[in-house]
Amino acid sequence: MKDLREDRDLSQEDIAKVLQTTQEQVSKYETGRQMMGIDKYVKLAKYYNVSLDYLTGLIDTPRKLH
């Protein structure tokens, strides 16, 4: 998640707005201190236009959503 965000020159605050949460919460997600709910994964997948498989690390090559 952090790599995707940084590749697009976004801040944790930017992603917090997308997820309707706080920057502190995004930091916890990125460091693995807290798990995200599936609803937040879906929001990020749509936002970044990548598959959930890629977003969750199940595959290494990004696939775009259709």
PDB file of N, CA and C in Angstrom:
ATOM      1  N   MET A   1       0.817  -1.198   0.000  1.00  0.00           N
ATOM      2  CA  MET A   1       0.000   0.000   0.000  1.00  0.00           C
ATOM      3  C   MET A   1       0.859   1.259   0.000  1.00  0.00           C
ATOM      4  N   LYS A   2       1.889   1.251   0.805  1.00  0.00           N
ATOM      5  CA  LYS A   2       2.750   2.431   0.881  1.00  0.00           C
ATOM      6  C   LYS A   2       3.415   2.699  -0.462  1.00  0.00           C
ATOM      7  N   ASP A   3       3.881   1.642  -1.123  1.00  0.00           N
ATOM      8  CA  ASP A   3       4.533   1.816  -2.423  1.00  0.00           C
ATOM      9  C   ASP A   3       3.579   2.419  -3.443  1.00  0.00           C
ATOM     10  N   LEU A   4       2.358   1.936  -3.485  1.00  0.00           N
ATOM     11  CA  LEU A   4       1.357   2.492  -4.404  1.00  0.00           C
ATOM     12  C   LEU A   4       1.145   3.975  -4.135  1.00  0.00           C
ATOM     13  N   ARG A   5       1.003   4.303  -2.874  1.00  0.00           N
ATOM     14  CA  ARG A   5       0.776   5.700  -2.490  1.00  0.00           C
ATOM     15  C   ARG A   5       1.966   6.572  -2.884  1.00  0.00           C
ATOM     16  N   GLU A   6       3.162   6.115  -2.554  1.00  0.00           N
ATOM     17  CA  GLU A   6       4.352   6.906  -2.852  1.00  0.00           C
ATOM     18  C   GLU A   6       4.618   7.005  -4.346  1.00  0.00           C
ATOM     19  N   ASP A   7       4.344   5.938  -5.097  1.00  0.00           N
ATOM     20  CA  ASP A   7       4.524   5.973  -6.556  1.00  0.00           C
ATOM     21  C   ASP A   7       3.664   7.050  -7.209  1.00  0.00           C
ATOM     22  N   ARG A   8       2.572   7.390  -6.556  1.00  0.00           N
ATOM     23  CA  ARG A   8       1.651   8.400  -7.093  1.00  0.00           C
ATOM     24  C   ARG A   8       1.811   9.757  -6.402  1.00  0.00           C
ATOM     25  N   ASP A   9       2.881   9.869  -5.629  1.00  0.00           N
ATOM     26  CA  ASP A   9       3.187  11.122  -4.905  1.00  0.00           C
ATOM     27  C   ASP A   9       2.022  11.588  -4.043  1.00  0.00           C
ATOM     28  N   LEU A  10       1.406  10.641  -3.339  1.00  0.00           N
ATOM     29  CA  LEU A  10       0.299  10.959  -2.441  1.00  0.00           C
ATOM     30  C   LEU A  10       0.768  10.883  -0.998  1.00  0.00           C
ATOM     31  N   SER A  11       0.129  11.644  -0.148  1.00  0.00           N
ATOM     32  CA  SER A  11       0.432  11.605   1.285  1.00  0.00           C
ATOM     33  C   SER A  11      -0.542  10.671   1.992  1.00  0.00           C
ATOM     34  N   GLN A  12      -0.205  10.346   3.215  1.00  0.00           N
ATOM     35  CA  GLN A  12      -1.130   9.556   4.026  1.00  0.00           C
ATOM     36  C   GLN A  12      -2.427  10.328   4.243  1.00  0.00           C
ATOM     37  N   GLU A  13      -2.344  11.636   4.306  1.00  0.00           N
ATOM     38  CA  GLU A  13      -3.542  12.460   4.457  1.00  0.00           C
ATOM     39  C   GLU A  13      -4.454  12.327   3.242  1.00  0.00           C
ATOM     40  N   ASP A  14      -3.850  12.257   2.037  1.00  0.00           N
ATOM     41  CA  ASP A  14      -4.641  12.074   0.820  1.00  0.00           C
ATOM     42  C   ASP A  14      -5.429  10.767   0.879  1.00  0.00           C
ATOM     43  N   ILE A  15      -4.758   9.710   1.288  1.00  0.00           N
ATOM     44  CA  ILE A  15      -5.411   8.398   1.354  1.00  0.00           C
ATOM     45  C   ILE A  15      -6.427   8.364   2.490  1.00  0.00           C
ATOM     46  N   ALA A  16      -6.137   9.062   3.563  1.00  0.00           N
ATOM     47  CA  ALA A  16      -7.096   9.126   4.669  1.00  0.00           C
ATOM     48  C   ALA A  16      -8.418   9.717   4.191  1.00  0.00           C
ATOM     49  N   LYS A  17      -8.354  10.714   3.319  1.00  0.00           N
ATOM     50  CA  LYS A  17      -9.586  11.294   2.776  1.00  0.00           C
ATOM     51  C   LYS A  17     -10.347  10.283   1.938  1.00  0.00           C
ATOM     52  N   VAL A  18      -9.631   9.517   1.132  1.00  0.00           N
ATOM     53  CA  VAL A  18     -10.265   8.490   0.302  1.00  0.00           C
ATOM     54  C   VAL A  18     -10.966   7.456   1.192  1.00  0.00           C
ATOM     55  N   LEU A  19     -10.296   7.058   2.261  1.00  0.00           N
ATOM     56  CA  LEU A  19     -10.827   6.017   3.147  1.00  0.00           C
ATOM     57  C   LEU A  19     -11.745   6.568   4.238  1.00  0.00           C
ATOM     58  N   GLN A  20     -11.877   7.873   4.279  1.00  0.00           N
ATOM     59  CA  GLN A  20     -12.686   8.545   5.302  1.00  0.00           C
ATOM     60  C   GLN A  20     -12.228   8.145   6.707  1.00  0.00           C
ATOM     61  N   THR A  21     -10.928   8.334   6.921  1.00  0.00           N
ATOM     62  CA  THR A  21     -10.327   8.020   8.206  1.00  0.00           C
ATOM     63  C   THR A  21      -9.240   9.046   8.487  1.00  0.00           C
ATOM     64  N   THR A  22      -8.363   8.766   9.408  1.00  0.00           N
ATOM     65  CA  THR A  22      -7.302   9.705   9.774  1.00  0.00           C
ATOM     66  C   THR A  22      -5.955   9.272   9.202  1.00  0.00           C
ATOM     67  N   GLN A  23      -5.036  10.215   9.165  1.00  0.00           N
ATOM     68  CA  GLN A  23      -3.669   9.912   8.731  1.00  0.00           C
ATOM     69  C   GLN A  23      -3.049   8.887   9.662  1.00  0.00           C
ATOM     70  N   GLU A  24      -3.324   8.992  10.939  1.00  0.00           N
ATOM     71  CA  GLU A  24      -2.775   8.046  11.914  1.00  0.00           C
ATOM     72  C   GLU A  24      -3.245   6.623  11.620  1.00  0.00           C
ATOM     73  N   GLN A  25      -4.508   6.490  11.221  1.00  0.00           N
ATOM     74  CA  GLN A  25      -5.048   5.174  10.900  1.00  0.00           C
ATOM     75  C   GLN A  25      -4.384   4.611   9.650  1.00  0.00           C
ATOM     76  N   VAL A  26      -4.165   5.452   8.653  1.00  0.00           N
ATOM     77  CA  VAL A  26      -3.483   5.009   7.426  1.00  0.00           C
ATOM     78  C   VAL A  26      -2.075   4.524   7.778  1.00  0.00           C
ATOM     79  N   SER A  27      -1.397   5.230   8.647  1.00  0.00           N
ATOM     80  CA  SER A  27      -0.068   4.810   9.085  1.00  0.00           C
ATOM     81  C   SER A  27      -0.113   3.419   9.710  1.00  0.00           C
ATOM     82  N   LYS A  28      -1.115   3.170  10.530  1.00  0.00           N
ATOM     83  CA  LYS A  28      -1.260   1.844  11.152  1.00  0.00           C
ATOM     84  C   LYS A  28      -1.505   0.765  10.106  1.00  0.00           C
ATOM     85  N   TYR A  29      -2.297   1.075   9.095  1.00  0.00           N
ATOM     86  CA  TYR A  29      -2.534   0.110   8.013  1.00  0.00           C
ATOM     87  C   TYR A  29      -1.239  -0.196   7.274  1.00  0.00           C
ATOM     88  N   GLU A  30      -0.493   0.844   6.959  1.00  0.00           N
ATOM     89  CA  GLU A  30       0.733   0.669   6.178  1.00  0.00           C
ATOM     90  C   GLU A  30       1.818  -0.085   6.938  1.00  0.00           C
ATOM     91  N   THR A  31       1.861   0.075   8.224  1.00  0.00           N
ATOM     92  CA  THR A  31       2.886  -0.600   9.028  1.00  0.00           C
ATOM     93  C   THR A  31       2.439  -1.962   9.534  1.00  0.00           C
ATOM     94  N   GLY A  32       1.189  -2.316   9.285  1.00  0.00           N
ATOM     95  CA  GLY A  32       0.685  -3.611   9.715  1.00  0.00           C
ATOM     96  C   GLY A  32       0.270  -3.674  11.168  1.00  0.00           C
ATOM     97  N   ARG A  33       0.207  -2.531  11.815  1.00  0.00           N
ATOM     98  CA  ARG A  33      -0.231  -2.514  13.209  1.00  0.00           C
ATOM     99  C   ARG A  33      -1.727  -2.721  13.340  1.00  0.00           C
ATOM    100  N   GLN A  34      -2.443  -2.509  12.253  1.00  0.00           N
ATOM    101  CA  GLN A  34      -3.887  -2.728  12.247  1.00  0.00           C
ATOM    102  C   GLN A  34      -4.307  -3.191  10.861  1.00  0.00           C
ATOM    103  N   MET A  35      -5.275  -4.081  10.818  1.00  0.00           N
ATOM    104  CA  MET A  35      -5.795  -4.599   9.556  1.00  0.00           C
ATOM    105  C   MET A  35      -6.915  -3.702   9.050  1.00  0.00           C
ATOM    106  N   MET A  36      -6.989  -3.592   7.732  1.00  0.00           N
ATOM    107  CA  MET A  36      -8.093  -2.852   7.113  1.00  0.00           C
ATOM    108  C   MET A  36      -9.253  -3.794   6.873  1.00  0.00           C
ATOM    109  N   GLY A  37     -10.443  -3.253   6.911  1.00  0.00           N
ATOM    110  CA  GLY A  37     -11.630  -4.017   6.541  1.00  0.00           C
ATOM    111  C   GLY A  37     -11.723  -4.128   5.030  1.00  0.00           C
ATOM    112  N   ILE A  38     -12.460  -5.103   4.554  1.00  0.00           N
ATOM    113  CA  ILE A  38     -12.594  -5.331   3.116  1.00  0.00           C
ATOM    114  C   ILE A  38     -13.166  -4.102   2.415  1.00  0.00           C
ATOM    115  N   ASP A  39     -14.036  -3.366   3.069  1.00  0.00           N
ATOM    116  CA  ASP A  39     -14.614  -2.174   2.452  1.00  0.00           C
ATOM    117  C   ASP A  39     -13.540  -1.145   2.106  1.00  0.00           C
ATOM    118  N   LYS A  40     -12.535  -1.021   2.942  1.00  0.00           N
ATOM    119  CA  LYS A  40     -11.455  -0.074   2.687  1.00  0.00           C
ATOM    120  C   LYS A  40     -10.544  -0.597   1.571  1.00  0.00           C
ATOM    121  N   TYR A  41     -10.311  -1.894   1.528  1.00  0.00           N
ATOM    122  CA  TYR A  41      -9.540  -2.471   0.418  1.00  0.00           C
ATOM    123  C   TYR A  41     -10.243  -2.221  -0.913  1.00  0.00           C
ATOM    124  N   VAL A  42     -11.552  -2.368  -0.927  1.00  0.00           N
ATOM    125  CA  VAL A  42     -12.314  -2.140  -2.158  1.00  0.00           C
ATOM    126  C   VAL A  42     -12.197  -0.676  -2.583  1.00  0.00           C
ATOM    127  N   LYS A  43     -12.307   0.249  -1.629  1.00  0.00           N
ATOM    128  CA  LYS A  43     -12.163   1.673  -1.949  1.00  0.00           C
ATOM    129  C   LYS A  43     -10.793   1.961  -2.552  1.00  0.00           C
ATOM    130  N   LEU A  44      -9.742   1.388  -1.961  1.00  0.00           N
ATOM    131  CA  LEU A  44      -8.404   1.626  -2.476  1.00  0.00           C
ATOM    132  C   LEU A  44      -8.203   0.986  -3.848  1.00  0.00           C
ATOM    133  N   ALA A  45      -8.734  -0.200  -4.041  1.00  0.00           N
ATOM    134  CA  ALA A  45      -8.617  -0.864  -5.339  1.00  0.00           C
ATOM    135  C   ALA A  45      -9.261  -0.005  -6.430  1.00  0.00           C
ATOM    136  N   LYS A  46     -10.419   0.535  -6.149  1.00  0.00           N
ATOM    137  CA  LYS A  46     -11.091   1.403  -7.113  1.00  0.00           C
ATOM    138  C   LYS A  46     -10.310   2.695  -7.314  1.00  0.00           C
ATOM    139  N   TYR A  47      -9.828   3.269  -6.238  1.00  0.00           N
ATOM    140  CA  TYR A  47      -9.088   4.519  -6.315  1.00  0.00           C
ATOM    141  C   TYR A  47      -7.818   4.371  -7.158  1.00  0.00           C
ATOM    142  N   TYR A  48      -7.065   3.306  -6.895  1.00  0.00           N
ATOM    143  CA  TYR A  48      -5.821   3.062  -7.617  1.00  0.00           C
ATOM    144  C   TYR A  48      -6.037   2.326  -8.941  1.00  0.00           C
ATOM    145  N   ASN A  49      -7.240   1.822  -9.169  1.00  0.00           N
ATOM    146  CA  ASN A  49      -7.563   1.045 -10.361  1.00  0.00           C
ATOM    147  C   ASN A  49      -6.670  -0.193 -10.488  1.00  0.00           C
ATOM    148  N   VAL A  50      -6.565  -0.931  -9.384  1.00  0.00           N
ATOM    149  CA  VAL A  50      -5.822  -2.191  -9.367  1.00  0.00           C
ATOM    150  C   VAL A  50      -6.685  -3.267  -8.728  1.00  0.00           C
ATOM    151  N   SER A  51      -6.347  -4.518  -9.023  1.00  0.00           N
ATOM    152  CA  SER A  51      -7.117  -5.631  -8.464  1.00  0.00           C
ATOM    153  C   SER A  51      -6.841  -5.789  -6.968  1.00  0.00           C
ATOM    154  N   LEU A  52      -7.792  -6.393  -6.292  1.00  0.00           N
ATOM    155  CA  LEU A  52      -7.605  -6.689  -4.867  1.00  0.00           C
ATOM    156  C   LEU A  52      -6.461  -7.670  -4.671  1.00  0.00           C
ATOM    157  N   ASP A  53      -6.256  -8.585  -5.621  1.00  0.00           N
ATOM    158  CA  ASP A  53      -5.141  -9.532  -5.532  1.00  0.00           C
ATOM    159  C   ASP A  53      -3.810  -8.797  -5.426  1.00  0.00           C
ATOM    160  N   TYR A  54      -3.651  -7.778  -6.244  1.00  0.00           N
ATOM    161  CA  TYR A  54      -2.410  -7.005  -6.220  1.00  0.00           C
ATOM    162  C   TYR A  54      -2.319  -6.167  -4.949  1.00  0.00           C
ATOM    163  N   LEU A  55      -3.387  -5.519  -4.609  1.00  0.00           N
ATOM    164  CA  LEU A  55      -3.407  -4.639  -3.441  1.00  0.00           C
ATOM    165  C   LEU A  55      -3.080  -5.390  -2.157  1.00  0.00           C
ATOM    166  N   THR A  56      -3.527  -6.623  -2.057  1.00  0.00           N
ATOM    167  CA  THR A  56      -3.300  -7.407  -0.844  1.00  0.00           C
ATOM    168  C   THR A  56      -2.020  -8.239  -0.900  1.00  0.00           C
ATOM    169  N   GLY A  57      -1.286  -8.145  -2.018  1.00  0.00           N
ATOM    170  CA  GLY A  57      -0.011  -8.841  -2.103  1.00  0.00           C
ATOM    171  C   GLY A  57      -0.080 -10.278  -2.580  1.00  0.00           C
ATOM    172  N   LEU A  58      -1.230 -10.712  -3.066  1.00  0.00           N
ATOM    173  CA  LEU A  58      -1.356 -12.093  -3.547  1.00  0.00           C
ATOM    174  C   LEU A  58      -0.682 -12.287  -4.899  1.00  0.00           C
ATOM    175  N   ILE A  59      -0.582 -11.223  -5.683  1.00  0.00           N
ATOM    176  CA  ILE A  59       0.137 -11.266  -6.946  1.00  0.00           C
ATOM    177  C   ILE A  59       1.089 -10.080  -6.997  1.00  0.00           C
ATOM    178  N   ASP A  60       2.140 -10.206  -7.795  1.00  0.00           N
ATOM    179  CA  ASP A  60       3.173  -9.158  -7.844  1.00  0.00           C
ATOM    180  C   ASP A  60       2.983  -8.167  -8.985  1.00  0.00           C
ATOM    181  N   THR A  61       2.226  -8.539  -9.985  1.00  0.00           N
ATOM    182  CA  THR A  61       2.023  -7.677 -11.141  1.00  0.00           C
ATOM    183  C   THR A  61       0.641  -7.050 -11.080  1.00  0.00           C
ATOM    184  N   PRO A  62       0.570  -5.724 -11.114  1.00  0.00           N
ATOM    185  CA  PRO A  62      -0.740  -5.079 -11.012  1.00  0.00           C
ATOM    186  C   PRO A  62      -1.632  -5.409 -12.199  1.00  0.00           C
ATOM    187  N   ARG A  63      -2.890  -5.641 -11.894  1.00  0.00           N
ATOM    188  CA  ARG A  63      -3.913  -5.804 -12.935  1.00  0.00           C
ATOM    189  C   ARG A  63      -4.933  -4.705 -12.740  1.00  0.00           C
ATOM    190  N   LYS A  64      -5.280  -4.050 -13.826  1.00  0.00           N
ATOM    191  CA  LYS A  64      -6.271  -2.975 -13.747  1.00  0.00           C
ATOM    192  C   LYS A  64      -7.663  -3.559 -13.598  1.00  0.00           C
ATOM    193  N   LEU A  65      -8.532  -2.786 -12.979  1.00  0.00           N
ATOM    194  CA  LEU A  65      -9.932  -3.146 -12.906  1.00  0.00           C
ATOM    195  C   LEU A  65     -10.576  -2.840 -14.247  1.00  0.00           C
ATOM    196  N   HIS A  66     -11.623  -3.542 -14.566  1.00  0.00           N
ATOM    197  CA  HIS A  66     -12.300  -3.313 -15.853  1.00  0.00           C
ATOM    198  C   HIS A  66     -13.500  -2.440 -15.652  1.00  0.00           C
TER     199      HIS A  66
END
